[in-house]
Amino acid sequence: MRKWILSLILLPELLFPQPDLDLNSDYVYLMDADSGQELFSRNAEERMYPASMTKVMTAVVVLENTDSLWETVPVTDEMWTGLIEANASTAGFLPGTEPTVMDLLYGVLLPSGADAVNALCIHTAGSTGAFVDLMNTKAAELGMYSTHYTNPTGLHDPDHWSTAKDTAVLFRYALQNPVFAEIIGTAEYTASTGLVMKSTVNAHAAYIDGFQGGKTGYTIPAGVCLASHAYINGMHLVLVSAHSPYAGGNVVDADTVYSWLRNNIEKRILLRKGEVLARISFQDSRDEDSMTIIADQDVVLDLPYGADIRFQEEKTDVLQTPVQEGTVLYHCTITVNGQTVYEQSDLLDHEIRRSLPRWLYRTGREALQRYRFVLLALVIALILLRRRRS
């Protein structure tokens, strides 16, 4: 019955003047994991090296291309080739052991084990090269157009790069998988082989209120990195930082950014889907008598405390028929601190015709109401005139 024109306009650079936070990391991006709204950005679209944050993509590809998480994977000497020479971090799955796919995923995401990565790549795709192809395909699917992988571990390669924003997009996507979310929030895990593995970050960041878990990364060119998520002020947040020159600088930066948000930003529900906005009546209609205008979607934004929120609407409660197709029945605008963040227009997609009998009845009744005293006076005058003549 209606045509809707809807647009949600996010203007973070206008809604959120970027604070001058004292951070160790050169590349930082903070987003709302539910809405995708950008909350803080520093050099977030500049190319950087993701180091072991790469393993988030490794886990995603495994989770989406494996038949069973409980299938065992025999660890071979081939899976350890070059790892010691490259000084890669390992989980400790030695050749001859047979961990499950789930064990290896924990090995990838908690101690950042390159041995677990290689085992999963060969098991999933037959080779690390074929696996990397799957990684790049998935990156393109997610719109990570500033990302290119050459290996599944994050070991340094000049042609292996991403951005803080792309990595946040990836981490947000990965968290939608409950297995990934469970693993990334675990501090310690004991594999079916008896191997005990600990997270490289969760225990260190436990003091951060709302912190849920994360994945670290480090190479000399990449610096110290961290992708993490947290629940603060009713918001589910994803934060990525990269190229801190100091060990632990990534966790300190996470605390700084999350604390800034906690003290300055809140989630506001500006409009609820299904909320009645207006009821428009059509006078003398041959078709429907009225239409109810409702909000077609939730409008939820993370806003600064004390933001100036204004709701403006244009409507006519009663429209005289005929009403032409394309007539704007209702229009509303929501502004925050003078900036438009949402607009909705409701257009009629068919003509509302006039009923002649209803129009005649209504206009006749209104005429009687309007001129009833004149008619009464005329009747009285006629009666008096007839009495005088008689």
Protein backbone atom coordinates (compact mmCIF):
# COMPACT_ATOMS: atom_id res chain seq x y z
CA MET A 1 0.00 0.00 0.00
CA ARG A 2 2.95 2.33 0.51
CA LYS A 3 6.33 3.11 -0.93
CA TRP A 4 9.04 3.69 1.62
CA ILE A 5 12.14 5.77 1.09
CA LEU A 6 14.52 5.13 3.96
CA SER A 7 18.09 6.11 4.63
CA LEU A 8 20.29 5.85 7.69
CA ILE A 9 23.07 8.38 7.42
CA LEU A 10 26.06 7.80 9.65
CA LEU A 11 28.40 10.76 9.93
CA PRO A 12 30.90 9.74 12.61
CA GLU A 13 33.33 12.49 11.70
CA LEU A 14 30.58 15.02 12.44
CA LEU A 15 28.90 13.26 15.36
CA PHE A 16 32.15 12.36 17.07
CA PRO A 17 34.96 14.89 17.01
CA GLN A 18 37.96 12.60 17.37
CA PRO A 19 39.53 12.86 20.82
CA ASP A 20 43.26 13.38 21.10
CA LEU A 21 43.95 10.08 22.85
CA ASP A 22 47.49 9.27 23.95
CA LEU A 23 48.02 5.94 22.17
CA ASN A 24 51.03 3.75 21.48
CA SER A 25 49.61 2.29 18.27
CA ASP A 26 49.78 4.10 14.94
CA TYR A 27 46.73 2.38 13.43
CA VAL A 28 43.48 2.17 15.40
CA TYR A 29 39.85 1.49 14.54
CA LEU A 30 36.83 1.15 16.86
CA MET A 31 33.41 0.12 15.63
CA ASP A 32 30.03 -1.02 16.93
CA ALA A 33 29.87 -4.73 16.14
CA ASP A 34 26.07 -4.69 15.94
CA SER A 35 25.55 -1.76 13.58
CA GLY A 36 28.97 -1.30 12.00
CA GLN A 37 29.01 2.34 13.12
CA GLU A 38 32.47 3.84 13.24
CA LEU A 39 33.32 5.31 16.63
CA PHE A 40 37.05 6.06 16.55
CA SER A 41 39.58 6.02 13.75
CA ARG A 42 43.27 6.83 13.50
CA ASN A 43 45.06 6.02 10.24
CA ALA A 44 42.60 3.15 10.01
CA GLU A 45 42.55 2.92 6.22
CA GLU A 46 46.31 3.12 5.77
CA ARG A 47 48.12 -0.06 4.82
CA MET A 48 49.78 -1.90 7.71
CA TYR A 49 51.06 -5.39 8.49
CA PRO A 50 48.51 -7.49 10.44
CA ALA A 51 51.01 -10.02 11.84
CA SER A 52 49.20 -12.82 13.70
CA MET A 53 45.84 -11.06 13.53
CA THR A 54 45.94 -12.83 10.16
CA LYS A 55 45.03 -15.99 12.06
CA VAL A 56 41.51 -14.65 12.57
CA MET A 57 40.98 -15.19 8.84
CA THR A 58 42.70 -18.57 9.09
CA ALA A 59 40.17 -19.65 11.72
CA VAL A 60 37.24 -18.29 9.70
CA VAL A 61 38.24 -20.23 6.59
CA VAL A 62 38.69 -23.44 8.59
CA LEU A 63 35.34 -23.05 10.35
CA GLU A 64 33.55 -22.50 7.05
CA ASN A 65 35.28 -25.32 5.18
CA THR A 66 35.42 -28.17 7.66
CA ASP A 67 32.98 -31.05 7.99
CA SER A 68 33.67 -31.90 11.62
CA LEU A 69 35.39 -30.03 14.43
CA TRP A 70 36.07 -33.34 16.17
CA GLU A 71 37.88 -35.04 13.31
CA THR A 72 41.49 -35.84 14.19
CA VAL A 73 44.40 -34.41 12.20
CA PRO A 74 47.70 -36.33 12.23
CA VAL A 75 50.55 -33.86 12.74
CA THR A 76 53.49 -34.51 10.38
CA ASP A 77 57.03 -33.20 10.04
CA GLU A 78 55.87 -31.28 6.94
CA MET A 79 53.62 -29.15 9.11
CA TRP A 80 56.63 -27.90 11.08
CA THR A 81 58.78 -27.11 8.06
CA GLY A 82 60.45 -23.70 8.40
CA LEU A 83 58.70 -22.67 11.60
CA ILE A 84 61.74 -22.86 13.88
CA GLU A 85 63.90 -21.02 11.32
CA ALA A 86 61.27 -18.27 11.01
CA ASN A 87 61.05 -17.93 14.80
CA ALA A 88 57.31 -18.48 14.53
CA SER A 89 55.22 -18.90 17.64
CA THR A 90 53.97 -22.45 18.10
CA ALA A 91 51.32 -24.19 20.18
CA GLY A 92 53.28 -27.42 20.69
CA PHE A 93 51.42 -29.99 18.56
CA LEU A 94 54.37 -32.27 17.85
CA PRO A 95 54.67 -34.65 14.87
CA GLY A 96 53.01 -37.95 15.65
CA THR A 97 50.19 -36.47 17.73
CA GLU A 98 46.58 -36.42 16.50
CA PRO A 99 44.69 -33.39 17.82
CA THR A 100 41.16 -32.61 16.70
CA VAL A 101 40.29 -29.71 14.42
CA MET A 102 38.85 -27.99 17.52
CA ASP A 103 42.12 -28.50 19.41
CA LEU A 104 44.03 -26.94 16.52
CA LEU A 105 41.67 -23.95 16.34
CA TYR A 106 42.39 -23.26 19.99
CA GLY A 107 46.07 -23.62 19.14
CA VAL A 108 45.71 -21.03 16.38
CA LEU A 109 43.82 -18.44 18.42
CA LEU A 110 45.16 -18.79 21.98
CA PRO A 111 48.97 -19.29 21.79
CA SER A 112 48.98 -18.20 18.12
CA GLY A 113 50.54 -21.47 17.03
CA ALA A 114 51.89 -21.61 13.50
CA ASP A 115 52.12 -25.41 13.82
CA ALA A 116 48.35 -25.54 14.38
CA VAL A 117 47.88 -23.19 11.40
CA ASN A 118 49.88 -25.39 9.03
CA ALA A 119 48.10 -28.54 10.20
CA LEU A 120 44.70 -26.98 9.57
CA CYS A 121 45.70 -25.52 6.19
CA ILE A 122 46.91 -28.87 4.86
CA HIS A 123 43.93 -30.69 6.34
CA THR A 124 41.42 -28.16 4.94
CA ALA A 125 42.82 -27.28 1.51
CA GLY A 126 45.65 -29.76 0.82
CA SER A 127 48.36 -27.08 1.00
CA THR A 128 49.04 -23.69 2.54
CA GLY A 129 49.06 -22.14 -0.94
CA ALA A 130 45.57 -23.38 -1.73
CA PHE A 131 44.45 -22.27 1.72
CA VAL A 132 45.75 -18.73 1.17
CA ASP A 133 43.67 -18.56 -2.02
CA LEU A 134 40.61 -19.29 0.12
CA MET A 135 41.66 -16.53 2.52
CA ASN A 136 41.90 -13.91 -0.21
CA THR A 137 38.61 -15.03 -1.71
CA LYS A 138 36.93 -14.61 1.68
CA ALA A 139 38.53 -11.19 2.16
CA ALA A 140 37.05 -10.03 -1.14
CA GLU A 141 33.66 -11.46 -0.16
CA LEU A 142 33.74 -9.40 3.05
CA GLY A 143 34.66 -6.21 1.20
CA MET A 144 38.20 -6.16 2.61
CA TYR A 145 39.57 -4.51 -0.50
CA SER A 146 42.68 -3.16 1.25
CA THR A 147 43.82 -6.61 2.35
CA HIS A 148 46.11 -9.13 0.67
CA TYR A 149 47.35 -12.36 2.24
CA THR A 150 50.43 -14.32 1.19
CA ASN A 151 50.50 -16.73 4.13
CA PRO A 152 48.11 -18.04 6.81
CA THR A 153 50.28 -17.19 9.83
CA GLY A 154 51.03 -13.50 9.50
CA LEU A 155 54.80 -13.97 9.27
CA HIS A 156 56.25 -10.89 7.65
CA ASP A 157 56.05 -10.53 3.90
CA PRO A 158 56.08 -7.10 2.20
CA ASP A 159 53.14 -8.24 0.06
CA HIS A 160 51.08 -9.38 3.07
CA TRP A 161 49.07 -6.40 4.28
CA SER A 162 45.77 -5.10 5.53
CA THR A 163 44.31 -2.09 7.38
CA ALA A 164 42.95 -1.61 10.88
CA LYS A 165 39.48 -1.06 9.40
CA ASP A 166 39.58 -4.21 7.25
CA THR A 167 40.78 -6.24 10.21
CA ALA A 168 37.90 -4.89 12.32
CA VAL A 169 35.46 -5.89 9.57
CA LEU A 170 36.96 -9.39 9.63
CA PHE A 171 36.90 -9.68 13.42
CA ARG A 172 33.29 -8.49 13.56
CA TYR A 173 32.34 -11.13 11.00
CA ALA A 174 34.27 -13.87 12.81
CA LEU A 175 32.47 -13.14 16.08
CA GLN A 176 29.18 -14.11 14.44
CA ASN A 177 30.43 -17.70 14.55
CA PRO A 178 29.72 -19.01 18.07
CA VAL A 179 32.70 -21.38 17.99
CA PHE A 180 35.10 -18.55 17.17
CA ALA A 181 33.53 -16.32 19.83
CA GLU A 182 33.89 -19.07 22.43
CA ILE A 183 37.52 -19.75 21.57
CA ILE A 184 38.58 -16.11 21.42
CA GLY A 185 37.16 -15.52 24.90
CA THR A 186 38.95 -18.48 26.51
CA ALA A 187 41.96 -17.92 28.75
CA GLU A 188 43.20 -21.52 28.90
CA TYR A 189 42.37 -24.76 27.07
CA THR A 190 43.50 -28.36 27.41
CA ALA A 191 43.55 -30.27 24.13
CA SER A 192 42.49 -33.88 23.74
CA THR A 193 46.22 -34.68 23.46
CA GLY A 194 46.80 -33.25 26.93
CA LEU A 195 48.51 -30.10 25.63
CA VAL A 196 47.66 -27.05 27.78
CA MET A 197 47.43 -23.75 25.90
CA LYS A 198 47.01 -20.21 27.21
CA SER A 199 45.80 -17.06 25.50
CA THR A 200 48.41 -14.47 24.64
CA VAL A 201 46.07 -11.66 25.72
CA ASN A 202 43.02 -12.62 27.76
CA ALA A 203 44.73 -12.85 31.15
CA HIS A 204 46.65 -9.60 30.51
CA ALA A 205 43.51 -7.66 29.55
CA ALA A 206 41.21 -9.10 32.22
CA TYR A 207 41.38 -5.82 34.18
CA ILE A 208 39.61 -3.96 31.34
CA ASP A 209 35.94 -3.73 32.28
CA GLY A 210 33.80 -5.41 29.62
CA PHE A 211 36.71 -7.03 27.76
CA GLN A 212 35.65 -10.31 26.13
CA GLY A 213 38.73 -11.58 24.33
CA GLY A 214 41.12 -10.89 21.52
CA LYS A 215 43.87 -11.97 19.15
CA THR A 216 47.34 -10.50 19.35
CA GLY A 217 50.00 -10.15 16.69
CA TYR A 218 53.67 -9.23 16.53
CA THR A 219 56.48 -8.95 14.06
CA ILE A 220 59.14 -6.25 14.02
CA PRO A 221 57.62 -4.45 10.97
CA ALA A 222 54.04 -4.87 12.26
CA GLY A 223 54.79 -3.90 15.84
CA VAL A 224 52.52 -5.12 18.62
CA CYS A 225 48.90 -5.59 17.45
CA LEU A 226 45.55 -6.55 18.95
CA ALA A 227 42.05 -7.27 17.67
CA SER A 228 39.56 -7.45 20.54
CA HIS A 229 35.92 -7.05 21.49
CA ALA A 230 34.10 -5.76 24.56
CA TYR A 231 30.64 -5.00 25.93
CA ILE A 232 30.43 -1.46 27.32
CA ASN A 233 27.40 0.79 27.96
CA GLY A 234 25.12 -1.62 26.13
CA MET A 235 27.36 -1.60 23.06
CA HIS A 236 29.19 -4.56 21.52
CA LEU A 237 32.50 -3.13 20.35
CA VAL A 238 35.32 -4.28 18.10
CA LEU A 239 38.71 -2.59 18.42
CA VAL A 240 41.80 -3.13 16.30
CA SER A 241 45.18 -1.55 16.96
CA ALA A 242 48.50 -2.10 15.19
CA HIS A 243 52.12 -0.97 15.21
CA SER A 244 52.70 -0.29 18.88
CA PRO A 245 56.46 -0.18 19.49
CA TYR A 246 56.10 -1.43 23.06
CA ALA A 247 55.24 -4.86 24.44
CA GLY A 248 51.87 -4.52 26.16
CA GLY A 249 51.18 -1.26 24.37
CA ASN A 250 48.32 -2.94 22.54
CA VAL A 251 46.53 -3.80 25.80
CA VAL A 252 47.18 -0.34 27.25
CA ASP A 253 45.70 1.21 24.10
CA ALA A 254 42.64 -1.05 24.35
CA ASP A 255 42.12 0.16 27.91
CA THR A 256 42.53 3.79 26.84
CA VAL A 257 40.07 3.59 23.93
CA TYR A 258 37.48 1.52 25.78
CA SER A 259 37.70 3.87 28.79
CA TRP A 260 37.19 6.91 26.57
CA LEU A 261 34.09 5.33 25.08
CA ARG A 262 32.77 4.28 28.50
CA ASN A 263 32.97 7.88 29.74
CA ASN A 264 31.66 9.62 26.63
CA ILE A 265 29.40 7.45 24.45
CA GLU A 266 26.06 5.72 24.99
CA LYS A 267 23.68 3.70 22.83
CA ARG A 268 20.49 5.60 22.03
CA ILE A 269 17.33 4.15 20.52
CA LEU A 270 15.92 6.94 18.36
CA LEU A 271 13.17 4.95 16.68
CA ARG A 272 11.70 1.48 17.13
CA LYS A 273 10.67 -0.69 14.20
CA GLY A 274 6.87 -0.90 14.14
CA GLU A 275 6.40 2.29 16.16
CA VAL A 276 3.27 4.17 14.99
CA LEU A 277 4.31 7.53 13.59
CA ALA A 278 1.01 8.81 12.18
CA ARG A 279 -2.50 7.87 11.10
CA ILE A 280 -3.63 9.52 7.89
CA SER A 281 -7.35 9.68 7.08
CA PHE A 282 -8.81 10.04 3.58
CA GLN A 283 -12.04 12.06 3.55
CA ASP A 284 -14.89 10.72 1.40
CA SER A 285 -12.75 7.84 0.21
CA ARG A 286 -14.08 5.29 -2.25
CA ASP A 287 -11.19 3.02 -1.25
CA GLU A 288 -9.53 2.72 2.17
CA ASP A 289 -10.45 5.25 4.82
CA SER A 290 -7.02 5.58 6.44
CA MET A 291 -3.42 4.45 6.55
CA THR A 292 -1.15 3.89 9.53
CA ILE A 293 2.42 5.05 9.11
CA ILE A 294 4.94 3.00 11.05
CA ALA A 295 8.71 3.04 11.47
CA ASP A 296 10.10 0.50 9.05
CA GLN A 297 13.33 -0.15 10.97
CA ASP A 298 15.09 0.42 14.26
CA VAL A 299 17.20 3.55 14.38
CA VAL A 300 19.90 2.98 16.98
CA LEU A 301 23.06 5.05 17.21
CA ASP A 302 25.98 5.34 19.59
CA LEU A 303 26.01 9.01 20.57
CA PRO A 304 27.89 11.35 22.89
CA TYR A 305 26.31 11.96 26.27
CA GLY A 306 24.07 15.01 26.09
CA ALA A 307 23.73 14.93 22.30
CA ASP A 308 21.09 17.32 20.94
CA ILE A 309 18.57 14.95 19.34
CA ARG A 310 15.63 16.42 17.43
CA PHE A 311 12.71 14.69 15.73
CA GLN A 312 10.90 16.73 13.07
CA GLU A 313 7.89 15.52 11.10
CA GLU A 314 5.65 16.79 8.32
CA LYS A 315 2.18 15.31 7.96
CA THR A 316 -1.48 16.11 7.32
CA ASP A 317 -3.82 14.08 9.50
CA VAL A 318 -6.77 14.31 7.07
CA LEU A 319 -6.45 14.45 3.28
CA GLN A 320 -9.36 15.34 0.98
CA THR A 321 -9.90 12.87 -1.84
CA PRO A 322 -8.96 12.36 -4.54
CA VAL A 323 -5.32 11.87 -3.44
CA GLN A 324 -2.89 11.32 -6.29
CA GLU A 325 -0.32 8.55 -6.51
CA GLY A 326 3.10 9.81 -5.34
CA THR A 327 1.64 12.15 -2.72
CA VAL A 328 3.93 12.40 0.32
CA LEU A 329 1.82 11.23 3.24
CA TYR A 330 4.49 11.56 5.89
CA HIS A 331 8.08 12.71 6.28
CA CYS A 332 10.32 12.72 9.34
CA THR A 333 13.90 13.78 9.97
CA ILE A 334 16.10 12.98 12.95
CA THR A 335 19.07 15.24 13.62
CA VAL A 336 21.90 14.89 16.11
CA ASN A 337 23.82 18.02 17.00
CA GLY A 338 22.39 19.67 13.90
CA GLN A 339 23.40 16.83 11.54
CA THR A 340 20.80 14.69 9.78
CA VAL A 341 21.23 11.04 10.70
CA TYR A 342 17.93 9.60 9.49
CA GLU A 343 15.13 10.44 7.09
CA GLN A 344 11.93 8.60 6.22
CA SER A 345 9.28 9.45 3.66
CA ASP A 346 6.03 7.59 3.01
CA LEU A 347 4.64 7.98 -0.50
CA LEU A 348 1.25 6.83 -1.75
CA ASP A 349 1.68 4.19 -4.46
CA HIS A 350 -1.87 4.37 -5.84
CA GLU A 351 -4.65 6.93 -6.20
CA ILE A 352 -7.26 7.20 -3.46
CA ARG A 353 -10.53 7.90 -5.29
CA ARG A 354 -13.49 9.99 -4.13
CA SER A 355 -16.88 8.45 -3.35
CA LEU A 356 -19.53 10.82 -4.74
CA PRO A 357 -22.33 9.61 -2.42
CA ARG A 358 -20.10 10.04 0.64
CA TRP A 359 -19.01 13.46 -0.58
CA LEU A 360 -22.62 14.57 -1.17
CA TYR A 361 -23.73 13.25 2.21
CA ARG A 362 -20.87 14.93 4.05
CA THR A 363 -21.09 18.27 2.27
CA GLY A 364 -24.88 18.32 2.70
CA ARG A 365 -24.59 17.59 6.39
CA GLU A 366 -21.91 20.23 6.83
CA ALA A 367 -24.07 22.76 4.95
CA LEU A 368 -26.96 22.03 7.28
CA GLN A 369 -24.70 22.44 10.28
CA ARG A 370 -23.17 25.65 8.95
CA TYR A 371 -26.46 27.33 7.97
CA ARG A 372 -28.79 25.82 10.55
CA PHE A 373 -29.49 29.18 12.24
CA VAL A 374 -30.23 30.82 8.88
CA LEU A 375 -32.59 27.99 7.98
CA LEU A 376 -34.25 28.20 11.40
CA ALA A 377 -34.74 31.94 10.93
CA LEU A 378 -36.27 31.36 7.49
CA VAL A 379 -38.69 28.77 8.88
CA ILE A 380 -39.72 31.10 11.68
CA ALA A 381 -40.17 33.95 9.20
CA LEU A 382 -42.36 31.77 6.96
CA ILE A 383 -44.53 30.72 9.91
CA LEU A 384 -45.00 34.30 11.03
CA LEU A 385 -45.80 35.38 7.47
CA ARG A 386 -48.47 32.70 7.10
CA ARG A 387 -50.05 33.70 10.44
CA ARG A 388 -50.18 37.33 9.40
CA ARG A 389 -51.86 36.45 6.12
CA SER A 390 -54.38 34.29 7.88
